[in-house]
Amino acid sequence: MYSILQEFAYGNVNPNEHGRKQTREFDKAAKTLMETEEKLLSALNENEKKLFEAFSAAQMKLSSMEEVEKFVQGYILGSYMTMEVMAGIEDVTL
């Protein structure tokens, strides 16, 4: 059996594929977002719709980039914690 790092290296483990828990709060926010977008788009002319779509795409790209950065920083922090524990520090506290 391969280690988790080997599985990750071969692309068999992808943290982005794991879904999030579906909650009422999330469902409500997603529904509000969709309804608001539909109302906004129906009120815009074609040029305004294109502008809004460009804005939305840029916002999604930025959000995705931020998620990757947060993942990397979280992984680094977890690695530092593991190194501290493996170094034999006995008084590890949060």
Protein backbone atom coordinates (compact mmCIF):
# COMPACT_ATOMS: atom_id res chain seq x y z
CA MET A 1 0.00 0.00 0.00
CA TYR A 2 1.20 3.49 -0.84
CA SER A 3 1.65 6.22 1.72
CA ILE A 4 -0.69 9.19 1.72
CA LEU A 5 2.10 11.33 0.21
CA GLN A 6 2.54 8.86 -2.64
CA GLU A 7 -1.20 8.77 -3.25
CA PHE A 8 -1.21 12.57 -3.26
CA ALA A 9 1.74 12.66 -5.69
CA TYR A 10 -0.05 10.28 -8.07
CA GLY A 11 -3.17 12.41 -7.98
CA ASN A 12 -5.26 9.83 -6.12
CA VAL A 13 -5.91 12.21 -3.24
CA ASN A 14 -7.38 15.60 -3.97
CA PRO A 15 -8.50 17.76 -1.03
CA ASN A 16 -10.75 19.77 -3.35
CA GLU A 17 -12.85 16.72 -4.20
CA HIS A 18 -14.10 16.29 -0.66
CA GLY A 19 -17.42 17.98 -0.36
CA ARG A 20 -18.54 20.22 2.39
CA LYS A 21 -21.36 19.42 4.71
CA GLN A 22 -24.64 20.65 3.34
CA THR A 23 -26.32 22.78 5.97
CA ARG A 24 -29.53 24.77 6.08
CA GLU A 25 -27.48 27.93 6.41
CA PHE A 26 -25.47 27.09 3.28
CA ASP A 27 -28.60 26.10 1.34
CA LYS A 28 -30.31 29.36 2.34
CA ALA A 29 -27.30 31.46 1.30
CA ALA A 30 -26.99 29.61 -2.03
CA LYS A 31 -30.70 30.07 -2.74
CA THR A 32 -30.48 33.79 -1.91
CA LEU A 33 -27.47 34.15 -4.18
CA MET A 34 -29.22 32.45 -7.11
CA GLU A 35 -32.45 34.39 -6.68
CA THR A 36 -30.62 37.70 -6.36
CA GLU A 37 -28.52 36.98 -9.44
CA GLU A 38 -31.63 36.12 -11.47
CA LYS A 39 -33.31 39.38 -10.41
CA LEU A 40 -30.19 41.42 -11.12
CA LEU A 41 -29.64 39.88 -14.57
CA SER A 42 -33.26 40.44 -15.54
CA ALA A 43 -32.86 44.14 -14.73
CA LEU A 44 -29.70 44.59 -16.84
CA ASN A 45 -29.29 45.22 -20.54
CA GLU A 46 -26.91 43.06 -22.61
CA ASN A 47 -23.83 45.26 -22.06
CA GLU A 48 -24.48 45.42 -18.34
CA LYS A 49 -24.93 41.62 -18.22
CA LYS A 50 -21.54 41.14 -19.89
CA LEU A 51 -19.95 43.52 -17.43
CA PHE A 52 -21.56 41.70 -14.50
CA GLU A 53 -20.44 38.32 -15.87
CA ALA A 54 -16.86 39.60 -16.20
CA PHE A 55 -17.03 40.92 -12.64
CA SER A 56 -18.37 37.58 -11.36
CA ALA A 57 -15.69 35.59 -13.19
CA ALA A 58 -12.92 37.79 -11.80
CA GLN A 59 -14.36 37.49 -8.30
CA MET A 60 -14.54 33.68 -8.59
CA LYS A 61 -10.94 33.51 -9.82
CA LEU A 62 -9.75 35.67 -6.93
CA SER A 63 -11.72 33.58 -4.44
CA SER A 64 -10.23 30.38 -5.86
CA MET A 65 -6.72 31.81 -5.60
CA GLU A 66 -7.37 32.80 -1.98
CA GLU A 67 -8.63 29.28 -1.19
CA VAL A 68 -5.43 27.76 -2.58
CA GLU A 69 -3.33 30.17 -0.53
CA LYS A 70 -5.27 29.34 2.64
CA PHE A 71 -4.85 25.62 1.95
CA VAL A 72 -1.09 26.01 1.46
CA GLN A 73 -0.72 28.14 4.59
CA GLY A 74 -2.78 25.66 6.61
CA TYR A 75 -0.67 22.78 5.35
CA ILE A 76 2.53 24.62 6.27
CA LEU A 77 1.19 25.38 9.75
CA GLY A 78 0.22 21.73 10.21
CA SER A 79 3.68 20.67 9.08
CA TYR A 80 5.30 23.01 11.60
CA MET A 81 3.12 21.53 14.32
CA THR A 82 4.09 18.01 13.31
CA MET A 83 7.79 18.93 13.26
CA GLU A 84 7.46 20.41 16.74
CA VAL A 85 5.84 17.24 18.05
CA MET A 86 8.36 14.99 16.30
CA ALA A 87 11.24 17.04 17.73
CA GLY A 88 10.19 15.79 21.14
CA ILE A 89 8.87 18.98 22.66
CA GLU A 90 6.90 17.72 25.64
CA ASP A 91 4.92 20.80 26.55
CA VAL A 92 2.95 21.27 23.38
CA THR A 93 -0.08 23.44 24.22
CA LEU A 94 -2.61 25.26 22.13
